[in-house]
Amino acid sequence: MNPTVQSLQRRLISLGFPLPKYGMDGDPGSETVAAMNAALDELESRRGRMGNSPPVTPPSPTLPAPLIPADWMPAAKMERIICHWTAGAHKASEFDRSHYHILIEADGKLIRGIPSIKLNEAPAKKGYAAHTLGANSGSIGVSLCCMGGANEAPFDPGKYPMTLVQWDAMTSVVADLCRRYSIPVTDKTVLSHAEVQNNLGIQQRGKWDFTRLAFDPSVKGAKACGDKLRAEAKAKL
């Protein structure tokens, strides 16, 4: 009896190719050869079925539908997004529209500013949106329509407080802009007007948008508000 042949016969039987006449006799006879050929045929058949099967393509990540209309975002090389409030009413005025690229009213409605984002591509062109002193070139200006008559200390949001709906729309707008213009989310590329002086080293004139959030009094200070803005925008990317 050949132990090597016998082990082969045992393996064939375990795979479902029986040797009904001689079983595991250790003899490499016709029955064993036939079982081996059947096993090889089955293996080739399985390989063929695998080869003919269409490749499995992993599902692509689904991006959220952009909030900003595509024609509001022309091709341009932009470096940062600076977020503001208008220090006015809950609706965008013509004056507001002349200074920002995108405005957000109290109910979250987007209003297109008069200047094109393209005009603020560095170096800024005539008619650009003048939203941030000394930092308009390469900067997109987004503003919430709110906070007219507000006071920083003691904090009083006035008659037109910033709404949570506005804030949520703004973080979605920032995510859309970052995606469109390949802007990374850092404290120098996505920031509020109140952070410009500290983060970019460009002196401003006592701007405090945003150092307080009317809908969440627990968030205090430019950095805290900016960190919240960046975290929520990044989560939407």
Protein backbone atom coordinates (compact mmCIF):
# COMPACT_ATOMS: atom_id res chain seq x y z
CA MET A 1 0.00 0.00 0.00
CA ASN A 2 1.34 3.40 -0.96
CA PRO A 3 0.74 5.87 1.95
CA THR A 4 1.17 8.93 -0.33
CA VAL A 5 -1.49 7.67 -2.74
CA GLN A 6 -3.70 6.75 0.18
CA SER A 7 -3.52 10.28 1.60
CA LEU A 8 -4.44 11.62 -1.85
CA GLN A 9 -7.40 9.25 -1.99
CA ARG A 10 -8.50 10.36 1.48
CA ARG A 11 -8.36 14.02 0.35
CA LEU A 12 -10.41 13.27 -2.78
CA ILE A 13 -13.09 11.55 -0.73
CA SER A 14 -13.23 14.51 1.72
CA LEU A 15 -13.79 16.85 -1.24
CA GLY A 16 -16.75 14.83 -2.44
CA PHE A 17 -15.12 12.63 -5.11
CA PRO A 18 -15.77 9.10 -3.83
CA LEU A 19 -13.86 5.96 -4.76
CA PRO A 20 -16.76 3.50 -4.52
CA LYS A 21 -15.04 0.34 -5.77
CA TYR A 22 -11.62 0.33 -4.13
CA GLY A 23 -11.75 3.16 -1.59
CA MET A 24 -8.42 4.10 0.04
CA ASP A 25 -6.37 1.12 -1.15
CA GLY A 26 -3.14 3.03 -1.82
CA ASP A 27 -3.16 1.99 -5.45
CA PRO A 28 -3.07 4.81 -8.09
CA GLY A 29 -5.51 2.99 -10.32
CA SER A 30 -8.07 4.19 -12.86
CA GLU A 31 -10.63 5.03 -10.21
CA THR A 32 -8.21 7.40 -8.44
CA VAL A 33 -7.15 8.98 -11.74
CA ALA A 34 -10.78 9.54 -12.72
CA ALA A 35 -11.49 11.20 -9.35
CA MET A 36 -8.43 13.43 -9.74
CA ASN A 37 -9.55 14.49 -13.24
CA ALA A 38 -13.02 15.27 -11.94
CA ALA A 39 -11.50 17.39 -9.18
CA LEU A 40 -9.36 19.32 -11.69
CA ASP A 41 -12.36 19.89 -13.97
CA GLU A 42 -14.32 21.31 -11.05
CA LEU A 43 -11.42 23.61 -10.12
CA GLU A 44 -11.15 24.95 -13.69
CA SER A 45 -14.90 25.46 -13.82
CA ARG A 46 -14.79 27.55 -10.65
CA ARG A 47 -11.92 29.65 -11.98
CA GLY A 48 -13.81 30.27 -15.21
CA ARG A 49 -16.90 31.44 -13.37
CA MET A 50 -14.81 33.83 -11.31
CA GLY A 51 -13.09 35.18 -14.44
CA ASN A 52 -16.41 35.85 -16.18
CA SER A 53 -17.96 37.61 -13.22
CA PRO A 54 -18.00 41.40 -13.44
CA PRO A 55 -15.56 43.08 -11.07
CA VAL A 56 -17.08 44.33 -7.86
CA THR A 57 -16.81 48.12 -7.73
CA PRO A 58 -16.93 49.63 -4.25
CA PRO A 59 -19.65 52.25 -3.92
CA SER A 60 -18.49 55.82 -4.33
CA PRO A 61 -18.96 58.13 -1.36
CA THR A 62 -22.07 60.25 -1.83
CA LEU A 63 -21.42 63.97 -1.51
CA PRO A 64 -24.21 66.19 -0.24
CA ALA A 65 -25.95 68.32 -2.87
CA PRO A 66 -24.32 71.76 -2.87
CA LEU A 67 -26.31 74.56 -1.26
CA ILE A 68 -24.72 77.23 -3.46
CA PRO A 69 -25.80 77.38 -7.13
CA ALA A 70 -22.93 76.39 -9.41
CA ASP A 71 -22.93 79.67 -11.34
CA TRP A 72 -22.25 81.57 -8.12
CA MET A 73 -18.87 79.81 -7.90
CA PRO A 74 -16.87 80.67 -11.05
CA ALA A 75 -13.45 79.19 -11.65
CA ALA A 76 -10.89 81.13 -9.60
CA LYS A 77 -7.91 80.57 -7.35
CA MET A 78 -9.10 81.47 -3.87
CA GLU A 79 -7.11 81.16 -0.66
CA ARG A 80 -9.56 81.61 2.20
CA ILE A 81 -13.10 82.23 3.36
CA ILE A 82 -13.85 85.03 5.85
CA CYS A 83 -17.22 84.97 7.62
CA HIS A 84 -19.01 88.07 8.88
CA TRP A 85 -22.29 89.51 9.99
CA THR A 86 -23.71 92.60 8.32
CA ALA A 87 -24.53 94.43 11.58
CA GLY A 88 -27.90 95.12 9.96
CA ALA A 89 -31.35 93.59 9.66
CA HIS A 90 -32.37 90.01 8.91
CA LYS A 91 -32.73 90.78 5.18
CA ALA A 92 -29.92 91.64 2.78
CA SER A 93 -29.81 95.25 1.63
CA GLU A 94 -28.25 96.48 -1.62
CA PHE A 95 -25.43 97.91 0.48
CA ASP A 96 -24.83 94.47 2.03
CA ARG A 97 -24.88 92.83 -1.40
CA SER A 98 -22.19 95.22 -2.65
CA HIS A 99 -19.71 94.08 0.04
CA TYR A 100 -20.05 90.30 0.19
CA HIS A 101 -20.15 87.39 -2.23
CA ILE A 102 -22.84 85.40 -0.41
CA LEU A 103 -25.28 86.56 2.24
CA ILE A 104 -27.54 84.45 4.45
CA GLU A 105 -30.83 85.81 5.76
CA ALA A 106 -32.46 84.85 9.06
CA ASP A 107 -34.41 81.95 7.56
CA GLY A 108 -31.29 80.49 5.92
CA LYS A 109 -32.05 81.84 2.44
CA LEU A 110 -28.94 82.54 0.34
CA ILE A 111 -28.60 85.90 -1.40
CA ARG A 112 -25.98 86.40 -4.08
CA GLY A 113 -23.73 89.40 -3.63
CA ILE A 114 -23.16 91.81 -6.50
CA PRO A 115 -19.38 91.25 -6.97
CA SER A 116 -18.27 87.95 -8.49
CA ILE A 117 -15.92 85.77 -6.47
CA LYS A 118 -13.62 85.94 -9.50
CA LEU A 119 -13.02 89.66 -8.86
CA ASN A 120 -11.41 88.88 -5.49
CA GLU A 121 -8.90 86.47 -7.02
CA ALA A 122 -5.46 87.86 -6.19
CA PRO A 123 -4.74 90.57 -7.11
CA ALA A 124 -8.27 91.88 -6.54
CA LYS A 125 -9.89 93.49 -9.57
CA LYS A 126 -12.03 96.62 -9.86
CA GLY A 127 -15.46 96.04 -8.35
CA TYR A 128 -14.29 93.35 -5.90
CA ALA A 129 -16.16 92.65 -2.66
CA ALA A 130 -14.55 94.87 -0.01
CA HIS A 131 -15.42 92.83 3.06
CA THR A 132 -12.20 92.69 5.13
CA LEU A 133 -9.68 95.50 5.58
CA GLY A 134 -6.36 94.54 3.95
CA ALA A 135 -7.42 90.95 3.29
CA ASN A 136 -9.72 91.02 0.28
CA SER A 137 -7.37 89.53 -2.31
CA GLY A 138 -7.90 85.78 -2.49
CA SER A 139 -10.70 85.93 0.10
CA ILE A 140 -14.35 84.96 -0.29
CA GLY A 141 -16.69 87.03 1.87
CA VAL A 142 -19.70 85.30 3.43
CA SER A 143 -22.00 87.28 5.71
CA LEU A 144 -25.00 86.60 7.93
CA CYS A 145 -27.74 89.24 7.79
CA CYS A 146 -28.09 90.06 11.47
CA MET A 147 -26.87 91.79 14.62
CA GLY A 148 -27.97 95.36 13.85
CA GLY A 149 -27.76 97.38 17.09
CA ALA A 150 -25.97 94.57 18.96
CA ASN A 151 -23.50 95.20 21.78
CA GLU A 152 -20.50 93.05 22.67
CA ALA A 153 -20.12 93.81 26.41
CA PRO A 154 -22.43 93.43 28.11
CA PHE A 155 -23.63 91.15 25.33
CA ASP A 156 -26.88 92.20 23.71
CA PRO A 157 -27.79 90.71 20.30
CA GLY A 158 -30.19 93.55 19.57
CA LYS A 159 -33.35 93.35 17.45
CA TYR A 160 -31.81 91.12 14.78
CA PRO A 161 -29.97 88.28 16.55
CA MET A 162 -28.06 85.66 14.63
CA THR A 163 -30.22 82.55 14.24
CA LEU A 164 -29.23 78.92 14.45
CA VAL A 165 -30.71 78.40 10.97
CA GLN A 166 -28.36 81.08 9.61
CA TRP A 167 -25.36 79.54 11.31
CA ASP A 168 -26.15 76.06 10.01
CA ALA A 169 -26.58 77.41 6.47
CA MET A 170 -23.26 79.25 6.78
CA THR A 171 -21.32 76.12 7.74
CA SER A 172 -22.85 74.35 4.72
CA VAL A 173 -21.90 77.29 2.48
CA VAL A 174 -18.34 77.19 3.81
CA ALA A 175 -18.15 73.45 3.10
CA ASP A 176 -19.39 74.02 -0.48
CA LEU A 177 -16.81 76.75 -1.05
CA CYS A 178 -13.96 74.70 0.43
CA ARG A 179 -14.88 71.81 -1.84
CA ARG A 180 -15.22 73.98 -4.96
CA TYR A 181 -12.00 75.93 -4.46
CA SER A 182 -9.91 73.22 -2.76
CA ILE A 183 -9.51 75.31 0.38
CA PRO A 184 -8.30 73.33 3.41
CA VAL A 185 -10.04 74.01 6.71
CA THR A 186 -7.51 75.71 8.98
CA ASP A 187 -7.65 78.76 11.25
CA LYS A 188 -5.94 80.80 8.51
CA THR A 189 -8.11 79.69 5.61
CA VAL A 190 -11.57 79.47 7.23
CA LEU A 191 -12.09 82.13 9.86
CA SER A 192 -14.37 84.87 11.11
CA HIS A 193 -13.70 88.58 10.78
CA ALA A 194 -12.96 88.69 14.52
CA GLU A 195 -10.05 86.25 14.00
CA VAL A 196 -8.37 88.07 11.11
CA GLN A 197 -6.14 90.31 13.18
CA ASN A 198 -4.84 87.52 15.39
CA ASN A 199 -4.69 84.70 12.82
CA LEU A 200 -3.51 86.62 9.76
CA GLY A 201 -1.66 89.50 11.44
CA ILE A 202 -3.72 92.11 9.57
CA GLN A 203 -4.98 94.88 11.85
CA GLN A 204 -8.73 95.45 11.87
CA ARG A 205 -10.93 98.09 13.48
CA GLY A 206 -12.42 96.42 16.52
CA LYS A 207 -14.56 93.93 14.58
CA TRP A 208 -16.28 91.38 16.83
CA ASP A 209 -18.06 89.22 14.29
CA PHE A 210 -18.01 86.65 15.75
CA THR A 211 -17.08 86.68 19.40
CA ARG A 212 -20.58 85.74 20.59
CA LEU A 213 -23.38 83.57 19.19
CA ALA A 214 -26.90 84.75 20.05
CA PHE A 215 -28.33 81.21 19.79
CA ASP A 216 -25.65 79.73 22.08
CA PRO A 217 -24.41 82.12 24.81
CA SER A 218 -22.05 79.43 26.14
CA VAL A 219 -19.68 79.98 23.19
CA LYS A 220 -17.53 82.99 23.99
CA GLY A 221 -14.57 84.54 22.20
CA ALA A 222 -13.34 84.73 18.61
CA LYS A 223 -11.37 81.48 18.79
CA ALA A 224 -14.23 79.49 20.33
CA CYS A 225 -16.64 80.72 17.68
CA GLY A 226 -14.08 80.10 14.94
CA ASP A 227 -13.32 76.59 16.17
CA LYS A 228 -17.04 75.80 16.15
CA LEU A 229 -17.35 77.15 12.60
CA ARG A 230 -14.42 75.07 11.34
CA ALA A 231 -15.47 71.88 13.11
CA GLU A 232 -18.99 72.01 11.69
CA ALA A 233 -17.84 72.93 8.17
CA LYS A 234 -15.25 70.14 8.20
CA ALA A 235 -17.91 67.64 9.30
CA LYS A 236 -19.94 68.54 6.20
CA LEU A 237 -17.06 68.01 3.78
